[in-house]
C-alpha atoms as a PDB file:
ATOM      1  CA  MET A   1      27.284  -6.453   4.735  1.00  0.00           C
ATOM      2  CA  SER A   2      27.841  -2.951   3.362  1.00  0.00           C
ATOM      3  CA  THR A   3      28.785  -0.126   5.851  1.00  0.00           C
ATOM      4  CA  ASN A   4      27.805   2.199   3.228  1.00  0.00           C
ATOM      5  CA  ILE A   5      24.353   2.232   3.820  1.00  0.00           C
ATOM      6  CA  THR A   6      22.379   4.560   5.915  1.00  0.00           C
ATOM      7  CA  LEU A   7      19.230   4.121   7.304  1.00  0.00           C
ATOM      8  CA  PHE A   8      16.296   6.115   8.627  1.00  0.00           C
ATOM      9  CA  VAL A   9      13.422   4.693  11.143  1.00  0.00           C
ATOM     10  CA  ALA A  10      10.152   6.001  11.387  1.00  0.00           C
ATOM     11  CA  ASP A  11       7.639   4.165  13.709  1.00  0.00           C
ATOM     12  CA  ASP A  12       5.015   5.880  16.144  1.00  0.00           C
ATOM     13  CA  HIS A  13       5.690   3.284  19.211  1.00  0.00           C
ATOM     14  CA  PRO A  14       8.143   4.573  21.191  1.00  0.00           C
ATOM     15  CA  MET A  15       9.560   1.074  22.492  1.00  0.00           C
ATOM     16  CA  LEU A  16       9.096  -0.423  18.935  1.00  0.00           C
ATOM     17  CA  LEU A  17      11.166   2.323  17.196  1.00  0.00           C
ATOM     18  CA  LYS A  18      14.413   2.399  19.986  1.00  0.00           C
ATOM     19  CA  GLY A  19      14.103  -1.577  19.798  1.00  0.00           C
ATOM     20  CA  LEU A  20      14.588  -1.526  16.262  1.00  0.00           C
ATOM     21  CA  VAL A  21      16.884   1.451  15.990  1.00  0.00           C
ATOM     22  CA  ASP A  22      19.259  -0.703  18.590  1.00  0.00           C
ATOM     23  CA  GLU A  23      19.144  -3.697  16.540  1.00  0.00           C
ATOM     24  CA  LEU A  24      20.041  -2.214  13.844  1.00  0.00           C
ATOM     25  CA  LYS A  25      23.127  -0.136  15.252  1.00  0.00           C
ATOM     26  CA  ALA A  26      23.690  -4.147  16.941  1.00  0.00           C
ATOM     27  CA  PHE A  27      24.553  -4.918  13.203  1.00  0.00           C
ATOM     28  CA  ASN A  28      26.543  -2.237  12.306  1.00  0.00           C
ATOM     29  CA  TYR A  29      24.023  -0.197  10.731  1.00  0.00           C
ATOM     30  CA  LYS A  30      24.166   3.735  10.419  1.00  0.00           C
ATOM     31  CA  VAL A  31      20.517   4.914  11.515  1.00  0.00           C
ATOM     32  CA  VAL A  32      20.910   8.812  10.490  1.00  0.00           C
ATOM     33  CA  GLY A  33      17.445   9.613  11.628  1.00  0.00           C
ATOM     34  CA  THR A  34      13.909   8.658  13.245  1.00  0.00           C
ATOM     35  CA  ALA A  35      10.743   9.610  13.556  1.00  0.00           C
ATOM     36  CA  ALA A  36       7.959   9.073  14.895  1.00  0.00           C
ATOM     37  CA  ASN A  37       5.329  10.750  12.800  1.00  0.00           C
ATOM     38  CA  GLY A  38       4.897  10.648   9.010  1.00  0.00           C
ATOM     39  CA  ALA A  39       5.234  14.229   8.735  1.00  0.00           C
ATOM     40  CA  SER A  40       8.941  14.594  10.340  1.00  0.00           C
ATOM     41  CA  ALA A  41       9.735  11.369   8.747  1.00  0.00           C
ATOM     42  CA  LEU A  42       9.061  13.025   5.101  1.00  0.00           C
ATOM     43  CA  GLU A  43      10.890  16.128   6.053  1.00  0.00           C
ATOM     44  CA  GLN A  44      13.916  14.348   7.115  1.00  0.00           C
ATOM     45  CA  ILE A  45      14.170  11.869   4.631  1.00  0.00           C
ATOM     46  CA  VAL A  46      14.124  14.627   2.060  1.00  0.00           C
ATOM     47  CA  ALA A  47      17.127  16.642   3.538  1.00  0.00           C
ATOM     48  CA  LEU A  48      19.128  13.442   4.898  1.00  0.00           C
ATOM     49  CA  ALA A  49      18.060  11.006   1.826  1.00  0.00           C
ATOM     50  CA  PRO A  50      19.228   7.955   3.494  1.00  0.00           C
ATOM     51  CA  THR A  51      20.004   5.210   1.569  1.00  0.00           C
ATOM     52  CA  ILE A  52      16.789   3.436   2.620  1.00  0.00           C
ATOM     53  CA  ALA A  53      14.013   4.451   5.065  1.00  0.00           C
ATOM     54  CA  ILE A  54      12.148   2.184   7.190  1.00  0.00           C
ATOM     55  CA  LEU A  55       9.100   2.987   7.619  1.00  0.00           C
ATOM     56  CA  ASP A  56       5.800   1.933   9.904  1.00  0.00           C
ATOM     57  CA  MET A  57       2.150   1.803   7.880  1.00  0.00           C
ATOM     58  CA  GLU A  58       0.119   3.528  10.619  1.00  0.00           C
ATOM     59  CA  MET A  59       1.517   6.792  11.453  1.00  0.00           C
ATOM     60  CA  PRO A  60       0.417   9.851  12.687  1.00  0.00           C
ATOM     61  CA  MET A  61      -0.204  12.781  10.554  1.00  0.00           C
ATOM     62  CA  LEU A  62       1.057  10.777   7.163  1.00  0.00           C
ATOM     63  CA  THR A  63       1.273   6.900   6.553  1.00  0.00           C
ATOM     64  CA  GLY A  64       4.347   5.069   5.611  1.00  0.00           C
ATOM     65  CA  LEU A  65       2.039   4.941   1.806  1.00  0.00           C
ATOM     66  CA  GLU A  66       1.511   8.386   2.185  1.00  0.00           C
ATOM     67  CA  VAL A  67       5.390   9.265   2.990  1.00  0.00           C
ATOM     68  CA  ILE A  68       6.718   7.322   0.136  1.00  0.00           C
ATOM     69  CA  GLN A  69       4.342   8.227  -2.694  1.00  0.00           C
ATOM     70  CA  LYS A  70       5.162  12.314  -1.181  1.00  0.00           C
ATOM     71  CA  CYS A  71       8.957  11.085  -1.442  1.00  0.00           C
ATOM     72  CA  LYS A  72       8.454   9.740  -4.784  1.00  0.00           C
ATOM     73  CA  GLU A  73       7.277  12.793  -6.415  1.00  0.00           C
ATOM     74  CA  LYS A  74      10.372  14.564  -5.315  1.00  0.00           C
ATOM     75  CA  PRO A  75      13.996  13.892  -7.043  1.00  0.00           C
ATOM     76  CA  THR A  76      14.694  11.582  -3.850  1.00  0.00           C
ATOM     77  CA  GLN A  77      17.193   7.882  -4.195  1.00  0.00           C
ATOM     78  CA  THR A  78      15.987   6.479  -0.992  1.00  0.00           C
ATOM     79  CA  GLN A  79      14.476   3.326  -1.094  1.00  0.00           C
ATOM     80  CA  PHE A  80      11.679   2.086   0.947  1.00  0.00           C
ATOM     81  CA  ILE A  81      10.586  -0.710   3.442  1.00  0.00           C
ATOM     82  CA  ILE A  82       7.598  -0.806   4.729  1.00  0.00           C
ATOM     83  CA  LEU A  83       7.463  -3.005   8.150  1.00  0.00           C
ATOM     84  CA  THR A  84       3.775  -3.240   9.232  1.00  0.00           C
ATOM     85  CA  SER A  85       1.338  -5.890  10.630  1.00  0.00           C
ATOM     86  CA  HIS A  86      -0.898  -4.730   8.268  1.00  0.00           C
ATOM     87  CA  LYS A  87      -1.909  -7.801   5.694  1.00  0.00           C
ATOM     88  CA  GLU A  88      -4.764  -6.677   4.537  1.00  0.00           C
ATOM     89  CA  LYS A  89      -5.132  -6.913   0.636  1.00  0.00           C
ATOM     90  CA  GLY A  90      -6.079  -3.302  -0.304  1.00  0.00           C
ATOM     91  CA  ILE A  91      -2.440  -1.862   1.407  1.00  0.00           C
ATOM     92  CA  ILE A  92      -0.339  -4.796   0.324  1.00  0.00           C
ATOM     93  CA  HIS A  93      -1.624  -3.749  -3.670  1.00  0.00           C
ATOM     94  CA  GLN A  94      -0.929  -0.286  -2.851  1.00  0.00           C
ATOM     95  CA  ALA A  95       2.315  -0.808  -1.872  1.00  0.00           C
ATOM     96  CA  LYS A  96       3.202  -3.065  -4.739  1.00  0.00           C
ATOM     97  CA  GLN A  97       1.074   0.091  -6.853  1.00  0.00           C
ATOM     98  CA  LEU A  98       4.105   1.939  -5.192  1.00  0.00           C
ATOM     99  CA  ASN A  99       6.748  -0.058  -6.301  1.00  0.00           C
ATOM    100  CA  ILE A 100       7.927  -0.412  -2.770  1.00  0.00           C
ATOM    101  CA  MET A 101      11.115  -2.688  -2.515  1.00  0.00           C
ATOM    102  CA  GLY A 102      10.532  -4.448   0.978  1.00  0.00           C
ATOM    103  CA  TYR A 103       7.466  -5.380   2.873  1.00  0.00           C
ATOM    104  CA  ILE A 104       7.952  -6.961   6.159  1.00  0.00           C
ATOM    105  CA  VAL A 105       5.555  -7.813   8.746  1.00  0.00           C
ATOM    106  CA  LYS A 106       6.193  -6.837  12.300  1.00  0.00           C
ATOM    107  CA  ASP A 107       6.160 -10.359  13.831  1.00  0.00           C
ATOM    108  CA  GLU A 108       8.999 -11.582  11.552  1.00  0.00           C
ATOM    109  CA  PRO A 109      12.212 -11.875  13.504  1.00  0.00           C
ATOM    110  CA  PHE A 110      14.885  -9.340  12.743  1.00  0.00           C
ATOM    111  CA  GLN A 111      16.486 -11.225  10.679  1.00  0.00           C
ATOM    112  CA  GLU A 112      14.449 -10.682   8.301  1.00  0.00           C
ATOM    113  CA  VAL A 113      14.401  -7.091   8.330  1.00  0.00           C
ATOM    114  CA  HIS A 114      18.571  -7.279   7.844  1.00  0.00           C
ATOM    115  CA  ASN A 115      17.784  -9.660   4.865  1.00  0.00           C
ATOM    116  CA  CYS A 116      15.487  -7.398   3.680  1.00  0.00           C
ATOM    117  CA  ILE A 117      17.767  -4.262   4.269  1.00  0.00           C
ATOM    118  CA  GLN A 118      20.474  -6.010   2.098  1.00  0.00           C
ATOM    119  CA  SER A 119      18.359  -7.307  -0.450  1.00  0.00           C
ATOM    120  CA  VAL A 120      17.135  -3.641  -1.134  1.00  0.00           C
ATOM    121  CA  SER A 121      20.719  -2.262  -1.085  1.00  0.00           C
ATOM    122  CA  ARG A 122      21.101  -4.586  -3.690  1.00  0.00           C
ATOM    123  CA  GLY A 123      18.726  -3.176  -5.974  1.00  0.00           C
ATOM    124  CA  GLU A 124      16.690  -6.716  -4.978  1.00  0.00           C
ATOM    125  CA  ALA A 125      13.127  -6.593  -3.737  1.00  0.00           C
ATOM    126  CA  TYR A 126      12.022  -8.424  -0.470  1.00  0.00           C
ATOM    127  CA  PHE A 127       9.073  -9.339   0.697  1.00  0.00           C
ATOM    128  CA  SER A 128       7.704 -11.126   3.365  1.00  0.00           C
ATOM    129  CA  SER A 129       6.137 -14.677   2.377  1.00  0.00           C
ATOM    130  CA  VAL A 130       2.747 -13.504   3.590  1.00  0.00           C
ATOM    131  CA  PHE A 131       2.958 -10.447   0.891  1.00  0.00           C
ATOM    132  CA  ASN A 132       3.440 -13.094  -1.819  1.00  0.00           C
ATOM    133  CA  GLU A 133       0.757 -15.170  -0.427  1.00  0.00           C
ATOM    134  CA  VAL A 134      -1.809 -12.409  -0.631  1.00  0.00           C
ATOM    135  CA  MET A 135      -0.539 -11.029  -4.030  1.00  0.00           C
ATOM    136  CA  ASP A 136      -0.795 -14.654  -5.322  1.00  0.00           C
ATOM    137  CA  ASP A 137      -4.048 -15.865  -3.509  1.00  0.00           C
ATOM    138  CA  GLU A 138      -5.688 -12.839  -3.138  1.00  0.00           C
ATOM    139  CA  ILE A 139      -5.045  -9.681  -4.768  1.00  0.00           C
ATOM    140  CA  THR A 140      -3.970 -11.357  -8.597  1.00  0.00           C
ATOM    141  CA  PRO A 141      -7.547 -13.530  -8.722  1.00  0.00           C
ATOM    142  CA  GLU A 142      -9.466  -9.887  -7.432  1.00  0.00           C
ATOM    143  CA  LEU A 143      -7.200  -7.989 -10.241  1.00  0.00           C
ATOM    144  CA  GLN A 144      -8.421 -10.930 -12.829  1.00  0.00           C
ATOM    145  CA  LYS A 145     -11.996 -10.524 -12.110  1.00  0.00           C
ATOM    146  CA  ILE A 146     -12.086  -6.840 -12.543  1.00  0.00           C
ATOM    147  CA  LYS A 147     -10.981  -7.566 -16.181  1.00  0.00           C
ATOM    148  CA  LEU A 148     -14.160  -9.360 -17.024  1.00  0.00           C
ATOM    149  CA  LEU A 149     -15.583  -6.110 -16.842  1.00  0.00           C
ATOM    150  CA  SER A 150     -17.167  -4.119 -19.928  1.00  0.00           C
ATOM    151  CA  PRO A 151     -15.774  -0.641 -20.263  1.00  0.00           C
ATOM    152  CA  SER A 152     -19.632   0.677 -19.113  1.00  0.00           C
ATOM    153  CA  GLU A 153     -19.461  -1.256 -15.968  1.00  0.00           C
ATOM    154  CA  ARG A 154     -15.315   0.103 -15.056  1.00  0.00           C
ATOM    155  CA  THR A 155     -17.065   3.374 -15.779  1.00  0.00           C
ATOM    156  CA  ILE A 156     -20.081   2.889 -13.135  1.00  0.00           C
ATOM    157  CA  VAL A 157     -17.770   1.649 -10.722  1.00  0.00           C
ATOM    158  CA  ARG A 158     -16.036   4.374 -10.673  1.00  0.00           C
ATOM    159  CA  LEU A 159     -18.943   6.530 -10.387  1.00  0.00           C
ATOM    160  CA  VAL A 160     -20.021   4.661  -7.593  1.00  0.00           C
ATOM    161  CA  ALA A 161     -16.532   5.105  -5.585  1.00  0.00           C
ATOM    162  CA  GLN A 162     -17.609   8.334  -6.026  1.00  0.00           C
ATOM    163  CA  GLY A 163     -20.838   7.648  -4.000  1.00  0.00           C
ATOM    164  CA  LYS A 164     -23.078   8.376  -6.862  1.00  0.00           C
ATOM    165  CA  SER A 165     -26.348   6.803  -6.504  1.00  0.00           C
ATOM    166  CA  SER A 166     -27.718   4.859  -9.440  1.00  0.00           C
ATOM    167  CA  LYS A 167     -29.811   7.816 -10.559  1.00  0.00           C
ATOM    168  CA  GLU A 168     -26.680  10.278 -10.901  1.00  0.00           C
ATOM    169  CA  ILE A 169     -25.165   7.844 -12.686  1.00  0.00           C
ATOM    170  CA  GLY A 170     -27.991   7.225 -15.183  1.00  0.00           C
ATOM    171  CA  GLU A 171     -28.717  11.079 -15.357  1.00  0.00           C
ATOM    172  CA  LEU A 172     -24.729  11.572 -16.251  1.00  0.00           C
ATOM    173  CA  LEU A 173     -24.533   8.272 -18.812  1.00  0.00           C
ATOM    174  CA  SER A 174     -27.694   9.079 -20.143  1.00  0.00           C
ATOM    175  CA  VAL A 175     -29.330   5.851 -19.272  1.00  0.00           C
ATOM    176  CA  SER A 176     -31.807   5.188 -17.087  1.00  0.00           C
ATOM    177  CA  SER A 177     -31.521   4.465 -13.481  1.00  0.00           C
ATOM    178  CA  ARG A 178     -32.720   0.891 -13.704  1.00  0.00           C
ATOM    179  CA  THR A 179     -29.844   0.406 -16.950  1.00  0.00           C
ATOM    180  CA  VAL A 180     -27.138   1.064 -13.969  1.00  0.00           C
ATOM    181  CA  GLU A 181     -28.953  -1.286 -11.515  1.00  0.00           C
ATOM    182  CA  LYS A 182     -28.770  -3.875 -13.754  1.00  0.00           C
ATOM    183  CA  HIS A 183     -25.274  -3.185 -14.523  1.00  0.00           C
ATOM    184  CA  ARG A 184     -24.538  -3.203 -10.976  1.00  0.00           C
ATOM    185  CA  SER A 185     -25.838  -6.549 -10.328  1.00  0.00           C
ATOM    186  CA  ASN A 186     -23.890  -7.768 -13.473  1.00  0.00           C
ATOM    187  CA  ILE A 187     -20.586  -6.222 -11.662  1.00  0.00           C
ATOM    188  CA  ILE A 188     -21.339  -7.619  -8.374  1.00  0.00           C
ATOM    189  CA  THR A 189     -21.903 -11.311  -9.926  1.00  0.00           C
ATOM    190  CA  LYS A 190     -18.248 -10.973 -12.114  1.00  0.00           C
ATOM    191  CA  LEU A 191     -16.723  -9.427  -8.729  1.00  0.00           C
ATOM    192  CA  ASN A 192     -18.372 -12.240  -6.389  1.00  0.00           C
ATOM    193  CA  LEU A 193     -19.333  -9.684  -3.944  1.00  0.00           C
ATOM    194  CA  ALA A 194     -21.735 -11.141  -1.283  1.00  0.00           C
ATOM    195  CA  PRO A 195     -25.243  -9.970  -1.702  1.00  0.00           C
ATOM    196  CA  VAL A 196     -25.542  -6.974   0.771  1.00  0.00           C
ATOM    197  CA  PRO A 197     -26.728  -3.415   0.491  1.00  0.00           C
ATOM    198  CA  ASP A 198     -24.294  -1.254  -1.493  1.00  0.00           C
ATOM    199  CA  ALA A 199     -21.571  -4.318  -1.796  1.00  0.00           C
ATOM    200  CA  LEU A 200     -20.048  -2.695  -4.703  1.00  0.00           C
ATOM    201  CA  LEU A 201     -19.381   0.766  -2.831  1.00  0.00           C
ATOM    202  CA  LEU A 202     -18.358  -1.515   0.002  1.00  0.00           C
ATOM    203  CA  TRP A 203     -15.750  -2.987  -2.299  1.00  0.00           C
ATOM    204  CA  THR A 204     -14.653   0.387  -3.513  1.00  0.00           C
ATOM    205  CA  LYS A 205     -13.639   1.576   0.163  1.00  0.00           C
ATOM    206  CA  GLU A 206     -11.734  -1.637   0.712  1.00  0.00           C
ATOM    207  CA  PHE A 207      -9.750  -1.982  -2.270  1.00  0.00           C
ATOM    208  CA  PRO A 208      -9.277   1.993  -3.278  1.00  0.00           C
ATOM    209  CA  SER A 209      -6.163   1.124  -5.044  1.00  0.00           C
ATOM    210  CA  PHE A 210      -8.297  -1.306  -7.596  1.00  0.00           C
ATOM    211  CA  LEU A 211      -9.680   1.800  -9.085  1.00  0.00           C
ATOM    212  CA  SER A 212      -6.428   2.531 -11.123  1.00  0.00           C
ATOM    213  CA  ASP A 213      -7.133  -0.968 -12.494  1.00  0.00           C
ATOM    214  CA  ILE A 214     -10.120   0.131 -13.830  1.00  0.00           C
END
């Protein structure tokens, strides 16, 4: 195990944070800083430039993903590991889009965290098995469905995500609201969405990161 690895850890649960830091130190890792909220994490990561930052997904002020996004806008060499209880498709897809090197689910044993740190320090991505399962079984098929949408349908999905009504979309695209409704029906069929009110709008809210693929 390399002793040159410096770690930063952020979690808004004090007991979980202390427990993780204690485990890391027991493995002779050098923990250079900790934070209990995303804003503090961002500030310290930029200042300390640790080798790896291990971030909780849900934190006050900024989420783990928001911290990573802001860090990537700056010249930082820090790599990131998300430690979370979240297994939702939308969040996992966002993590993948940000090229996060590690994603560990909190109910995994600490050995998985250690394995992840070692892999990431070598420049190798490391994900919990649940991450790959969700990617392969849920996200990839969803992205394949998006490929079935025509250019006009993709435009309508983006406008629906902005909260536009069929009438407003029709005015913007110079078509009738009836035509827009037909397109929406076709989109719902292609995405295999449940026939419920605002099905398409609910889909865009559940998977906002998918909009970049549309």
